């Protein structure tokens, strides 16, 4: 796909045997010749002698210069402790990139997977508050774990004015999960009104358990 920017979820950094304890964010950045921001959700003690901490989270890769990099906190219900309660935790990365003179804020998220939408609703409220702090062009991409018409996603469209790139491209409800026989769209590239969409599509690949969403966008020069 030769992307300029990639938003990734479920990224392992020295996490465990399933990924050979690799720092996946740095490994991908080196292989692709891209800059990277890794935003951990969990940072746990190592499970091997003299090893670095185990981390799991999200990442943004960019071919363009990263001017600002942050990892915000949003509400989470931990999967790593017994009897978790919703609380603020890291894992909402933001980068500001300079794409040939146009600046854009890019956020990536992985919303709660549970059937009860209450945690997702809290996460969306947190994200909206963070994204409203600054003006300018914005992209929010990730695994929302909810269909486009889900009630908990509505504030993204009504309060932030974001739109789904697939919908803007005339391809609404293209399924993304599961990758082998996709049944529903739960993965998104969403954009603010000042960003144009030339095309958007979902490649047919089983490289992951979700199919990726690809969007070809145009940015306002004065953003």
N, C-alpha and C. Protein backbone atom coordinates (compact mmCIF):
# COMPACT_ATOMS: atom_id res chain seq x y z
N UNK A 1 0.82 -1.22 0.00
CA UNK A 1 0.00 0.00 0.00
C UNK A 1 0.85 1.27 0.00
N UNK A 2 2.12 1.18 0.38
CA UNK A 2 3.03 2.33 0.42
C UNK A 2 2.42 3.52 1.18
N UNK A 3 2.03 3.32 2.43
CA UNK A 3 1.38 4.40 3.18
C UNK A 3 2.36 5.46 3.65
N UNK A 4 1.84 6.68 3.81
CA UNK A 4 2.61 7.76 4.43
C UNK A 4 2.51 7.71 5.95
N UNK A 5 1.36 7.24 6.45
CA UNK A 5 1.12 7.16 7.89
C UNK A 5 0.40 5.84 8.17
N UNK A 6 0.77 5.19 9.25
CA UNK A 6 0.13 3.95 9.67
C UNK A 6 -0.27 4.07 11.13
N UNK A 7 -1.51 3.69 11.43
CA UNK A 7 -1.98 3.63 12.81
C UNK A 7 -2.17 2.16 13.18
N UNK A 8 -1.49 1.73 14.24
CA UNK A 8 -1.49 0.33 14.64
C UNK A 8 -2.04 0.17 16.05
N UNK A 9 -2.74 -0.94 16.26
CA UNK A 9 -3.21 -1.30 17.59
C UNK A 9 -2.65 -2.69 17.94
N UNK A 10 -2.70 -3.01 19.24
CA UNK A 10 -2.20 -4.29 19.75
C UNK A 10 -0.74 -4.51 19.36
N UNK A 11 0.10 -3.54 19.71
CA UNK A 11 1.52 -3.58 19.41
C UNK A 11 2.28 -4.09 20.63
N UNK A 12 3.09 -5.11 20.44
CA UNK A 12 3.91 -5.67 21.52
C UNK A 12 5.30 -5.04 21.51
N UNK A 13 5.78 -4.69 22.68
CA UNK A 13 7.17 -4.23 22.85
C UNK A 13 7.78 -5.04 23.99
N UNK A 14 8.63 -6.02 23.64
CA UNK A 14 9.23 -6.93 24.63
C UNK A 14 8.15 -7.64 25.45
N UNK A 15 7.00 -7.94 24.83
CA UNK A 15 5.84 -8.38 25.59
C UNK A 15 5.88 -9.84 25.99
N UNK A 16 6.20 -10.74 25.02
CA UNK A 16 6.13 -12.15 25.37
C UNK A 16 6.50 -13.05 24.23
N UNK A 17 6.27 -14.35 24.46
CA UNK A 17 6.66 -15.36 23.46
C UNK A 17 5.89 -15.19 22.16
N UNK A 18 4.65 -14.71 22.22
CA UNK A 18 3.84 -14.64 21.01
C UNK A 18 4.48 -13.76 19.94
N UNK A 19 5.28 -12.79 20.36
CA UNK A 19 5.98 -11.91 19.41
C UNK A 19 7.50 -11.98 19.61
N UNK A 20 7.97 -13.06 20.19
CA UNK A 20 9.41 -13.29 20.38
C UNK A 20 10.09 -12.16 21.14
N UNK A 21 9.33 -11.46 22.00
CA UNK A 21 9.86 -10.36 22.81
C UNK A 21 10.44 -9.22 21.97
N UNK A 22 10.01 -9.13 20.72
CA UNK A 22 10.50 -8.08 19.82
C UNK A 22 9.85 -6.75 20.18
N UNK A 23 10.58 -5.67 19.99
CA UNK A 23 10.02 -4.32 20.03
C UNK A 23 9.39 -4.08 18.66
N UNK A 24 8.10 -4.43 18.53
CA UNK A 24 7.47 -4.40 17.21
C UNK A 24 7.43 -3.00 16.61
N UNK A 25 7.22 -1.99 17.44
CA UNK A 25 7.13 -0.62 16.92
C UNK A 25 8.45 -0.20 16.27
N UNK A 26 9.56 -0.42 16.96
CA UNK A 26 10.87 -0.03 16.42
C UNK A 26 11.25 -0.92 15.24
N UNK A 27 10.93 -2.20 15.32
CA UNK A 27 11.26 -3.13 14.23
C UNK A 27 10.57 -2.71 12.94
N UNK A 28 9.29 -2.40 13.03
CA UNK A 28 8.55 -1.97 11.84
C UNK A 28 9.09 -0.65 11.31
N UNK A 29 9.39 0.29 12.22
CA UNK A 29 9.91 1.59 11.79
C UNK A 29 11.22 1.43 11.02
N UNK A 30 12.10 0.57 11.52
CA UNK A 30 13.38 0.35 10.82
C UNK A 30 13.14 -0.29 9.46
N UNK A 31 12.30 -1.30 9.40
CA UNK A 31 12.07 -2.00 8.15
C UNK A 31 11.43 -1.10 7.10
N UNK A 32 10.58 -0.19 7.54
CA UNK A 32 9.84 0.67 6.62
C UNK A 32 10.51 2.02 6.40
N UNK A 33 11.56 2.32 7.16
CA UNK A 33 12.21 3.61 7.03
C UNK A 33 11.32 4.75 7.48
N UNK A 34 10.54 4.53 8.55
CA UNK A 34 9.57 5.52 9.02
C UNK A 34 9.89 5.93 10.45
N UNK A 35 9.37 7.10 10.83
CA UNK A 35 9.43 7.55 12.21
C UNK A 35 8.29 6.89 12.99
N UNK A 36 8.45 6.79 14.31
CA UNK A 36 7.44 6.06 15.07
C UNK A 36 7.21 6.69 16.44
N UNK A 37 5.96 6.67 16.86
CA UNK A 37 5.59 6.94 18.25
C UNK A 37 4.89 5.69 18.77
N UNK A 38 5.41 5.11 19.85
CA UNK A 38 4.74 4.00 20.52
C UNK A 38 4.07 4.55 21.77
N UNK A 39 2.77 4.23 21.93
CA UNK A 39 2.02 4.68 23.09
C UNK A 39 1.56 3.49 23.91
N UNK A 40 2.24 3.16 25.01
CA UNK A 40 1.86 1.98 25.78
C UNK A 40 0.52 2.15 26.49
N UNK A 41 -0.24 1.07 26.54
CA UNK A 41 -1.39 0.96 27.42
C UNK A 41 -0.96 0.32 28.73
N UNK A 42 -0.19 -0.77 28.60
CA UNK A 42 0.30 -1.49 29.78
C UNK A 42 1.82 -1.48 29.78
N UNK A 43 2.39 -1.25 30.94
CA UNK A 43 3.82 -1.41 31.18
C UNK A 43 3.96 -2.29 32.42
N UNK A 44 4.49 -3.50 32.22
CA UNK A 44 4.56 -4.50 33.29
C UNK A 44 6.01 -4.91 33.52
N UNK A 45 6.32 -5.45 34.70
CA UNK A 45 7.69 -5.92 34.95
C UNK A 45 8.07 -7.03 33.98
N UNK A 46 9.36 -7.18 33.70
CA UNK A 46 9.80 -8.25 32.79
C UNK A 46 9.54 -9.62 33.39
N UNK A 47 9.37 -10.61 32.52
CA UNK A 47 9.20 -11.98 32.99
C UNK A 47 10.44 -12.82 32.71
N UNK A 48 11.56 -12.12 32.42
CA UNK A 48 12.85 -12.79 32.19
C UNK A 48 13.93 -11.99 32.91
N UNK A 49 15.01 -12.65 33.34
CA UNK A 49 16.09 -11.91 34.01
C UNK A 49 16.73 -10.88 33.08
N UNK A 50 17.03 -9.70 33.64
CA UNK A 50 17.76 -8.64 32.92
C UNK A 50 17.08 -8.21 31.62
N UNK A 51 15.77 -8.30 31.58
CA UNK A 51 15.02 -7.90 30.38
C UNK A 51 14.34 -6.56 30.63
N UNK A 52 14.01 -5.84 29.56
CA UNK A 52 13.30 -4.57 29.72
C UNK A 52 11.85 -4.82 30.12
N UNK A 53 11.14 -3.80 30.55
CA UNK A 53 9.72 -3.97 30.89
C UNK A 53 8.91 -4.49 29.70
N UNK A 54 7.84 -5.18 29.99
CA UNK A 54 6.92 -5.67 28.98
C UNK A 54 5.88 -4.57 28.71
N UNK A 55 5.70 -4.22 27.42
CA UNK A 55 4.75 -3.16 27.08
C UNK A 55 3.84 -3.59 25.94
N UNK A 56 2.62 -3.08 25.98
CA UNK A 56 1.60 -3.39 24.98
C UNK A 56 0.81 -2.11 24.73
N UNK A 57 0.57 -1.78 23.46
CA UNK A 57 -0.16 -0.54 23.21
C UNK A 57 -0.41 -0.29 21.75
N UNK A 58 -0.24 0.96 21.35
CA UNK A 58 -0.55 1.43 20.00
C UNK A 58 0.66 2.16 19.44
N UNK A 59 0.66 2.35 18.13
CA UNK A 59 1.78 3.04 17.50
C UNK A 59 1.30 3.82 16.28
N UNK A 60 2.02 4.90 16.00
CA UNK A 60 1.83 5.66 14.76
C UNK A 60 3.18 5.69 14.05
N UNK A 61 3.19 5.27 12.80
CA UNK A 61 4.38 5.34 11.94
C UNK A 61 4.16 6.43 10.90
N UNK A 62 5.20 7.19 10.58
CA UNK A 62 5.06 8.29 9.63
C UNK A 62 6.30 8.44 8.76
N UNK A 63 6.08 8.64 7.46
CA UNK A 63 7.19 8.99 6.57
C UNK A 63 7.53 10.47 6.67
N UNK A 64 6.60 11.25 7.17
CA UNK A 64 6.80 12.69 7.30
C UNK A 64 7.33 13.02 8.69
N UNK A 65 7.98 14.18 8.85
CA UNK A 65 8.50 14.57 10.17
C UNK A 65 7.39 14.63 11.22
N UNK A 66 7.69 14.10 12.40
CA UNK A 66 6.78 14.19 13.54
C UNK A 66 7.21 15.40 14.36
N UNK A 67 6.32 16.40 14.45
CA UNK A 67 6.64 17.64 15.15
C UNK A 67 6.29 17.56 16.63
N UNK A 68 5.23 16.85 16.96
CA UNK A 68 4.76 16.71 18.34
C UNK A 68 4.34 15.26 18.53
N UNK A 69 4.62 14.69 19.69
CA UNK A 69 4.22 13.31 20.00
C UNK A 69 3.77 13.25 21.45
N UNK A 70 2.57 12.71 21.66
CA UNK A 70 2.01 12.60 23.00
C UNK A 70 1.30 11.25 23.14
N UNK A 71 1.17 10.79 24.37
CA UNK A 71 0.36 9.60 24.66
C UNK A 71 -0.62 9.98 25.77
N UNK A 72 -1.86 10.24 25.39
CA UNK A 72 -2.86 10.72 26.33
C UNK A 72 -3.46 9.58 27.14
N UNK A 73 -4.13 9.94 28.23
CA UNK A 73 -4.89 8.99 29.03
C UNK A 73 -6.37 9.06 28.68
N UNK A 74 -7.00 7.89 28.59
CA UNK A 74 -8.45 7.80 28.47
C UNK A 74 -8.93 6.70 29.41
N UNK A 75 -10.22 6.62 29.62
CA UNK A 75 -10.78 5.60 30.50
C UNK A 75 -10.52 4.20 29.93
N UNK A 76 -10.10 3.30 30.80
CA UNK A 76 -9.88 1.92 30.39
C UNK A 76 -10.36 0.96 31.47
N UNK A 77 -10.74 -0.24 31.03
CA UNK A 77 -11.06 -1.34 31.92
C UNK A 77 -10.00 -2.39 31.67
N UNK A 78 -9.05 -2.50 32.57
CA UNK A 78 -7.85 -3.30 32.35
C UNK A 78 -8.18 -4.77 32.08
N UNK A 79 -7.37 -5.38 31.23
CA UNK A 79 -7.42 -6.83 31.02
C UNK A 79 -6.31 -7.54 31.77
N UNK A 80 -5.55 -6.81 32.58
CA UNK A 80 -4.35 -7.38 33.20
C UNK A 80 -4.49 -7.58 34.70
N UNK A 81 -5.60 -7.18 35.29
CA UNK A 81 -5.79 -7.32 36.73
C UNK A 81 -7.15 -7.94 37.00
N UNK A 82 -7.30 -8.67 38.11
CA UNK A 82 -8.61 -9.20 38.45
C UNK A 82 -9.55 -8.09 38.94
N UNK A 83 -10.82 -8.25 38.66
CA UNK A 83 -11.84 -7.30 39.11
C UNK A 83 -11.50 -5.85 38.76
N UNK A 84 -11.25 -5.56 37.48
CA UNK A 84 -10.88 -4.19 37.12
C UNK A 84 -12.06 -3.25 37.25
N UNK A 85 -11.74 -1.96 37.43
CA UNK A 85 -12.74 -0.90 37.43
C UNK A 85 -12.30 0.14 36.39
N UNK A 86 -13.25 0.83 35.77
CA UNK A 86 -12.85 1.86 34.81
C UNK A 86 -12.02 2.95 35.46
N UNK A 87 -10.89 3.27 34.86
CA UNK A 87 -10.02 4.33 35.37
C UNK A 87 -9.17 4.86 34.23
N UNK A 88 -8.64 6.06 34.42
CA UNK A 88 -7.79 6.66 33.40
C UNK A 88 -6.49 5.88 33.26
N UNK A 89 -6.10 5.64 32.02
CA UNK A 89 -4.84 4.95 31.74
C UNK A 89 -4.32 5.44 30.40
N UNK A 90 -3.03 5.30 30.18
CA UNK A 90 -2.42 5.76 28.94
C UNK A 90 -2.87 4.89 27.77
N UNK A 91 -2.57 5.36 26.57
CA UNK A 91 -2.89 4.57 25.39
C UNK A 91 -3.78 5.26 24.38
N UNK A 92 -3.60 6.59 24.24
CA UNK A 92 -4.30 7.34 23.17
C UNK A 92 -3.25 8.23 22.51
N UNK A 93 -2.42 7.65 21.62
CA UNK A 93 -1.33 8.41 21.02
C UNK A 93 -1.80 9.49 20.05
N UNK A 94 -1.04 10.57 20.03
CA UNK A 94 -1.27 11.69 19.11
C UNK A 94 0.07 12.12 18.53
N UNK A 95 0.12 12.33 17.22
CA UNK A 95 1.28 12.95 16.60
C UNK A 95 0.80 14.10 15.73
N UNK A 96 1.63 15.13 15.63
CA UNK A 96 1.44 16.19 14.65
C UNK A 96 2.54 16.02 13.62
N UNK A 97 2.15 15.83 12.35
CA UNK A 97 3.14 15.66 11.30
C UNK A 97 3.11 16.83 10.34
N UNK A 98 4.24 17.03 9.68
CA UNK A 98 4.37 18.04 8.63
C UNK A 98 4.44 17.29 7.30
N UNK A 99 3.33 17.30 6.56
CA UNK A 99 3.26 16.61 5.28
C UNK A 99 3.44 17.62 4.16
N UNK A 100 4.69 17.89 3.82
CA UNK A 100 5.03 18.83 2.74
C UNK A 100 4.37 20.19 2.96
N UNK A 101 4.47 20.68 4.17
CA UNK A 101 3.95 22.00 4.49
C UNK A 101 2.60 22.02 5.14
N UNK A 102 1.85 20.92 5.07
CA UNK A 102 0.54 20.83 5.72
C UNK A 102 0.70 20.09 7.04
N UNK A 103 0.16 20.67 8.10
CA UNK A 103 0.21 20.02 9.40
C UNK A 103 -1.11 19.32 9.69
N UNK A 104 -1.03 18.13 10.25
CA UNK A 104 -2.24 17.39 10.61
C UNK A 104 -1.98 16.65 11.91
N UNK A 105 -3.01 16.63 12.76
CA UNK A 105 -2.96 15.87 14.02
C UNK A 105 -3.55 14.49 13.77
N UNK A 106 -2.80 13.47 14.12
CA UNK A 106 -3.23 12.10 13.90
C UNK A 106 -3.31 11.38 15.24
N UNK A 107 -4.46 10.78 15.51
CA UNK A 107 -4.70 10.04 16.73
C UNK A 107 -5.01 8.60 16.36
N UNK A 108 -4.60 7.67 17.21
CA UNK A 108 -5.02 6.29 17.02
C UNK A 108 -5.56 5.75 18.33
N UNK A 109 -6.57 4.89 18.21
CA UNK A 109 -7.24 4.40 19.42
C UNK A 109 -7.64 2.94 19.26
N UNK A 110 -7.81 2.29 20.39
CA UNK A 110 -8.34 0.92 20.45
C UNK A 110 -9.39 0.94 21.55
N UNK A 111 -10.66 0.96 21.16
CA UNK A 111 -11.73 1.09 22.13
C UNK A 111 -12.08 -0.27 22.74
N UNK A 112 -12.73 -0.22 23.88
CA UNK A 112 -13.04 -1.42 24.65
C UNK A 112 -13.86 -2.41 23.82
N UNK A 113 -13.57 -3.69 24.01
CA UNK A 113 -14.17 -4.73 23.18
C UNK A 113 -15.44 -5.33 23.76
N UNK A 114 -15.79 -5.01 24.97
CA UNK A 114 -16.90 -5.69 25.63
C UNK A 114 -18.25 -5.30 25.03
N UNK A 115 -19.22 -6.21 25.19
CA UNK A 115 -20.55 -5.96 24.63
C UNK A 115 -21.21 -4.73 25.26
N UNK A 116 -21.00 -4.51 26.54
CA UNK A 116 -21.53 -3.34 27.23
C UNK A 116 -20.81 -2.10 26.70
N UNK A 117 -21.52 -1.13 26.11
CA UNK A 117 -20.85 0.01 25.49
C UNK A 117 -20.42 1.10 26.46
N UNK A 118 -20.64 0.93 27.76
CA UNK A 118 -20.42 2.03 28.70
C UNK A 118 -18.97 2.50 28.73
N UNK A 119 -18.02 1.56 28.67
CA UNK A 119 -16.61 1.97 28.69
C UNK A 119 -16.25 2.67 27.39
N UNK A 120 -16.74 2.15 26.26
CA UNK A 120 -16.50 2.83 24.99
C UNK A 120 -17.06 4.25 25.01
N UNK A 121 -18.23 4.41 25.59
CA UNK A 121 -18.83 5.75 25.67
C UNK A 121 -17.95 6.69 26.48
N UNK A 122 -17.41 6.21 27.60
CA UNK A 122 -16.51 7.03 28.41
C UNK A 122 -15.23 7.35 27.65
N UNK A 123 -14.70 6.37 26.92
CA UNK A 123 -13.49 6.60 26.14
C UNK A 123 -13.72 7.64 25.06
N UNK A 124 -14.86 7.58 24.41
CA UNK A 124 -15.16 8.55 23.35
C UNK A 124 -15.29 9.94 23.93
N UNK A 125 -15.93 10.07 25.09
CA UNK A 125 -16.02 11.39 25.73
C UNK A 125 -14.63 11.92 26.06
N UNK A 126 -13.76 11.06 26.56
CA UNK A 126 -12.38 11.48 26.87
C UNK A 126 -11.65 11.92 25.60
N UNK A 127 -11.77 11.13 24.53
CA UNK A 127 -11.08 11.46 23.29
C UNK A 127 -11.57 12.77 22.71
N UNK A 128 -12.88 12.99 22.75
CA UNK A 128 -13.42 14.24 22.22
C UNK A 128 -12.87 15.43 22.98
N UNK A 129 -12.81 15.33 24.31
CA UNK A 129 -12.26 16.44 25.10
C UNK A 129 -10.81 16.72 24.73
N UNK A 130 -10.03 15.68 24.50
CA UNK A 130 -8.62 15.86 24.12
C UNK A 130 -8.51 16.46 22.72
N UNK A 131 -9.30 15.94 21.77
CA UNK A 131 -9.18 16.39 20.39
C UNK A 131 -9.70 17.80 20.18
N UNK A 132 -10.58 18.27 21.06
CA UNK A 132 -11.10 19.63 20.95
C UNK A 132 -10.12 20.68 21.45
N UNK A 133 -9.03 20.28 22.10
CA UNK A 133 -8.10 21.25 22.67
C UNK A 133 -7.40 22.08 21.60
N UNK A 134 -7.21 21.52 20.43
CA UNK A 134 -6.47 22.20 19.37
C UNK A 134 -7.31 22.28 18.10
N UNK A 135 -7.13 23.36 17.36
CA UNK A 135 -7.79 23.53 16.08
C UNK A 135 -6.98 22.83 14.98
N UNK A 136 -7.55 22.76 13.80
CA UNK A 136 -6.81 22.25 12.65
C UNK A 136 -7.27 20.87 12.21
N UNK A 137 -6.65 20.40 11.13
CA UNK A 137 -7.01 19.12 10.53
C UNK A 137 -6.67 17.97 11.46
N UNK A 138 -7.59 16.99 11.55
CA UNK A 138 -7.41 15.86 12.46
C UNK A 138 -7.84 14.57 11.79
N UNK A 139 -7.11 13.51 12.11
CA UNK A 139 -7.46 12.16 11.69
C UNK A 139 -7.48 11.27 12.92
N UNK A 140 -8.55 10.51 13.08
CA UNK A 140 -8.65 9.53 14.16
C UNK A 140 -8.84 8.18 13.51
N UNK A 141 -7.92 7.25 13.78
CA UNK A 141 -7.97 5.93 13.16
C UNK A 141 -7.82 4.86 14.23
N UNK A 142 -8.40 3.70 13.94
CA UNK A 142 -8.20 2.60 14.88
C UNK A 142 -9.30 1.58 14.87
N UNK A 143 -9.24 0.73 15.88
CA UNK A 143 -10.23 -0.32 16.11
C UNK A 143 -11.23 0.22 17.12
N UNK A 144 -12.44 0.54 16.65
CA UNK A 144 -13.46 1.12 17.53
C UNK A 144 -14.32 0.06 18.20
N UNK A 145 -14.21 -1.19 17.76
CA UNK A 145 -15.00 -2.29 18.33
C UNK A 145 -16.50 -1.98 18.35
N UNK A 146 -16.96 -1.26 17.34
CA UNK A 146 -18.38 -0.92 17.23
C UNK A 146 -18.69 -0.61 15.77
N UNK A 147 -19.92 -0.90 15.36
CA UNK A 147 -20.35 -0.64 13.99
C UNK A 147 -20.59 0.86 13.80
N UNK A 148 -20.57 1.34 12.56
CA UNK A 148 -20.73 2.78 12.31
C UNK A 148 -21.99 3.38 12.92
N UNK A 149 -23.07 2.62 12.98
CA UNK A 149 -24.33 3.15 13.50
C UNK A 149 -24.47 3.00 15.01
N UNK A 150 -23.45 2.47 15.68
CA UNK A 150 -23.53 2.27 17.13
C UNK A 150 -23.75 3.60 17.84
N UNK A 151 -24.63 3.61 18.82
CA UNK A 151 -24.99 4.86 19.50
C UNK A 151 -23.78 5.50 20.17
N UNK A 152 -22.87 4.68 20.71
CA UNK A 152 -21.74 5.26 21.43
C UNK A 152 -20.77 6.00 20.52
N UNK A 153 -20.80 5.71 19.21
CA UNK A 153 -19.92 6.42 18.28
C UNK A 153 -20.50 7.75 17.81
N UNK A 154 -21.79 7.96 18.01
CA UNK A 154 -22.46 9.14 17.47
C UNK A 154 -21.79 10.46 17.85
N UNK A 155 -21.28 10.64 19.10
CA UNK A 155 -20.64 11.92 19.42
C UNK A 155 -19.43 12.25 18.54
N UNK A 156 -18.74 11.22 18.02
CA UNK A 156 -17.62 11.51 17.11
C UNK A 156 -18.12 12.22 15.87
N UNK A 157 -19.30 11.84 15.40
CA UNK A 157 -19.83 12.45 14.18
C UNK A 157 -20.51 13.80 14.48
N UNK A 158 -21.24 13.87 15.61
CA UNK A 158 -22.05 15.07 15.88
C UNK A 158 -21.27 16.15 16.61
N UNK A 159 -20.40 15.78 17.55
CA UNK A 159 -19.67 16.78 18.33
C UNK A 159 -18.35 17.18 17.70
N UNK A 160 -17.65 16.23 17.12
CA UNK A 160 -16.36 16.54 16.49
C UNK A 160 -16.49 16.78 14.99
N UNK A 161 -17.58 16.34 14.40
CA UNK A 161 -17.75 16.49 12.96
C UNK A 161 -16.90 15.56 12.14
N UNK A 162 -16.40 14.47 12.76
CA UNK A 162 -15.63 13.50 12.00
C UNK A 162 -16.54 12.72 11.07
N UNK A 163 -15.96 12.22 9.98
CA UNK A 163 -16.69 11.31 9.09
C UNK A 163 -15.79 10.13 8.76
N UNK A 164 -16.42 9.00 8.55
CA UNK A 164 -15.74 7.77 8.17
C UNK A 164 -15.26 7.89 6.73
N UNK A 165 -13.98 7.64 6.49
CA UNK A 165 -13.43 7.79 5.14
C UNK A 165 -14.11 6.86 4.15
N UNK A 166 -14.44 5.65 4.56
CA UNK A 166 -15.12 4.72 3.65
C UNK A 166 -16.48 5.27 3.24
N UNK A 167 -17.21 5.85 4.21
CA UNK A 167 -18.51 6.43 3.89
C UNK A 167 -18.36 7.61 2.95
N UNK A 168 -17.36 8.48 3.24
CA UNK A 168 -17.13 9.65 2.36
C UNK A 168 -16.76 9.22 0.95
N UNK A 169 -16.11 8.07 0.84
CA UNK A 169 -15.70 7.58 -0.48
C UNK A 169 -16.80 6.79 -1.17
N UNK A 170 -17.99 6.76 -0.57
CA UNK A 170 -19.10 6.06 -1.18
C UNK A 170 -19.07 4.55 -0.98
N UNK A 171 -18.34 4.10 0.07
CA UNK A 171 -18.23 2.67 0.33
C UNK A 171 -18.57 2.39 1.80
N UNK A 172 -19.77 2.73 2.24
CA UNK A 172 -20.11 2.54 3.65
C UNK A 172 -20.25 1.06 4.01
N UNK A 173 -19.96 0.79 5.29
CA UNK A 173 -20.19 -0.55 5.85
C UNK A 173 -19.39 -1.64 5.15
N UNK A 174 -18.19 -1.33 4.66
CA UNK A 174 -17.33 -2.39 4.15
C UNK A 174 -16.78 -3.15 5.35
N UNK A 175 -17.01 -4.45 5.47
CA UNK A 175 -16.61 -5.16 6.68
C UNK A 175 -15.09 -5.30 6.80
N UNK A 176 -14.61 -5.26 8.03
CA UNK A 176 -13.18 -5.35 8.30
C UNK A 176 -12.81 -6.49 9.23
N UNK A 177 -13.82 -7.12 9.88
CA UNK A 177 -13.51 -8.15 10.89
C UNK A 177 -14.55 -9.25 10.83
N UNK A 178 -14.10 -10.51 11.00
CA UNK A 178 -12.72 -11.00 11.04
C UNK A 178 -12.10 -11.02 9.64
N UNK A 179 -10.79 -11.02 9.58
CA UNK A 179 -10.10 -10.82 8.30
C UNK A 179 -10.39 -11.92 7.30
N UNK A 180 -10.54 -13.16 7.76
CA UNK A 180 -10.70 -14.25 6.81
C UNK A 180 -12.08 -14.25 6.16
N UNK A 181 -13.12 -13.98 6.96
CA UNK A 181 -14.48 -13.88 6.42
C UNK A 181 -15.14 -12.67 7.09
N UNK A 182 -14.85 -11.46 6.62
CA UNK A 182 -15.30 -10.26 7.34
C UNK A 182 -16.82 -10.13 7.37
N UNK A 183 -17.33 -9.79 8.55
CA UNK A 183 -18.77 -9.68 8.77
C UNK A 183 -19.22 -8.27 9.14
N UNK A 184 -18.33 -7.47 9.72
CA UNK A 184 -18.75 -6.15 10.19
C UNK A 184 -17.58 -5.17 10.14
N UNK A 185 -17.91 -3.90 9.99
CA UNK A 185 -16.89 -2.86 10.06
C UNK A 185 -16.74 -2.39 11.50
N UNK A 186 -15.55 -2.58 12.05
CA UNK A 186 -15.24 -2.03 13.37
C UNK A 186 -13.92 -1.24 13.34
N UNK A 187 -13.30 -1.14 12.16
CA UNK A 187 -12.02 -0.44 12.01
C UNK A 187 -12.23 0.76 11.09
N UNK A 188 -11.55 1.87 11.42
CA UNK A 188 -11.90 3.14 10.78
C UNK A 188 -10.67 4.01 10.53
N UNK A 189 -10.77 4.81 9.47
CA UNK A 189 -10.03 6.06 9.34
C UNK A 189 -11.10 7.15 9.29
N UNK A 190 -11.11 8.03 10.28
CA UNK A 190 -12.10 9.11 10.31
C UNK A 190 -11.35 10.45 10.21
N UNK A 191 -12.00 11.42 9.57
CA UNK A 191 -11.32 12.69 9.27
C UNK A 191 -12.21 13.86 9.62
N UNK A 192 -11.55 15.00 9.92
CA UNK A 192 -12.27 16.25 10.17
C UNK A 192 -12.76 16.83 8.84
N UNK A 193 -13.72 17.77 8.89
CA UNK A 193 -14.36 18.25 7.65
C UNK A 193 -13.40 18.90 6.66
N UNK A 194 -12.27 19.44 7.13
CA UNK A 194 -11.34 20.13 6.23
C UNK A 194 -10.38 19.18 5.50
N UNK A 195 -10.52 17.89 5.72
CA UNK A 195 -9.69 16.90 5.03
C UNK A 195 -10.52 16.25 3.93
N UNK A 196 -9.95 16.22 2.73
CA UNK A 196 -10.64 15.59 1.61
C UNK A 196 -10.30 14.12 1.49
N UNK A 197 -11.21 13.36 0.89
CA UNK A 197 -11.00 11.93 0.66
C UNK A 197 -11.02 11.68 -0.85
N UNK A 198 -9.89 11.25 -1.38
CA UNK A 198 -9.83 10.88 -2.79
C UNK A 198 -10.37 9.47 -3.00
N UNK A 199 -10.01 8.57 -2.08
CA UNK A 199 -10.46 7.18 -2.18
C UNK A 199 -10.26 6.53 -0.82
N UNK A 200 -10.99 5.46 -0.58
CA UNK A 200 -10.80 4.66 0.63
C UNK A 200 -11.20 3.24 0.31
N UNK A 201 -10.47 2.27 0.89
CA UNK A 201 -10.74 0.89 0.56
C UNK A 201 -10.24 -0.02 1.69
N UNK A 202 -10.66 -1.29 1.63
CA UNK A 202 -10.27 -2.30 2.60
C UNK A 202 -9.57 -3.43 1.86
N UNK A 203 -8.24 -3.52 1.94
CA UNK A 203 -7.51 -4.58 1.22
C UNK A 203 -7.90 -5.97 1.74
N UNK A 204 -7.91 -6.91 0.82
CA UNK A 204 -8.20 -8.30 1.15
C UNK A 204 -6.90 -8.97 1.59
N UNK A 205 -6.70 -9.05 2.90
CA UNK A 205 -5.48 -9.64 3.44
C UNK A 205 -5.77 -10.28 4.78
N UNK A 206 -5.05 -11.35 5.08
CA UNK A 206 -5.15 -11.99 6.40
C UNK A 206 -3.81 -11.86 7.14
N UNK A 207 -3.10 -10.77 6.87
CA UNK A 207 -1.86 -10.51 7.61
C UNK A 207 -2.13 -10.29 9.09
N UNK A 208 -3.35 -9.87 9.43
CA UNK A 208 -3.77 -9.69 10.81
C UNK A 208 -5.14 -10.32 10.97
N UNK A 209 -5.69 -10.25 12.18
CA UNK A 209 -7.05 -10.78 12.37
C UNK A 209 -8.11 -9.75 11.96
N UNK A 210 -7.70 -8.51 11.69
CA UNK A 210 -8.57 -7.49 11.12
C UNK A 210 -8.02 -7.11 9.75
N UNK A 211 -8.91 -6.71 8.84
CA UNK A 211 -8.44 -6.13 7.59
C UNK A 211 -8.17 -4.63 7.81
N UNK A 212 -7.15 -4.10 7.15
CA UNK A 212 -6.84 -2.69 7.33
C UNK A 212 -7.77 -1.80 6.52
N UNK A 213 -7.90 -0.56 6.95
CA UNK A 213 -8.60 0.47 6.19
C UNK A 213 -7.55 1.43 5.63
N UNK A 214 -7.63 1.70 4.34
CA UNK A 214 -6.68 2.60 3.69
C UNK A 214 -7.46 3.80 3.15
N UNK A 215 -6.93 5.00 3.37
CA UNK A 215 -7.56 6.22 2.88
C UNK A 215 -6.52 7.10 2.20
N UNK A 216 -6.87 7.61 1.03
CA UNK A 216 -6.04 8.57 0.30
C UNK A 216 -6.66 9.94 0.54
N UNK A 217 -5.96 10.79 1.31
CA UNK A 217 -6.55 12.04 1.77
C UNK A 217 -5.81 13.25 1.21
N UNK A 218 -6.51 14.39 1.20
CA UNK A 218 -5.90 15.67 0.88
C UNK A 218 -6.01 16.58 2.09
N UNK A 219 -4.95 17.34 2.35
CA UNK A 219 -4.88 18.18 3.55
C UNK A 219 -4.93 19.64 3.16
N UNK A 220 -5.58 20.47 3.99
CA UNK A 220 -5.55 21.91 3.74
C UNK A 220 -4.17 22.47 4.01
N UNK A 221 -3.67 23.31 3.12
CA UNK A 221 -2.31 23.84 3.23
C UNK A 221 -2.09 24.65 4.48
N UNK A 222 -3.10 25.36 4.97
CA UNK A 222 -2.92 26.23 6.12
C UNK A 222 -3.35 25.56 7.43
N UNK A 223 -3.51 24.24 7.40
CA UNK A 223 -3.93 23.55 8.61
C UNK A 223 -2.83 23.58 9.66
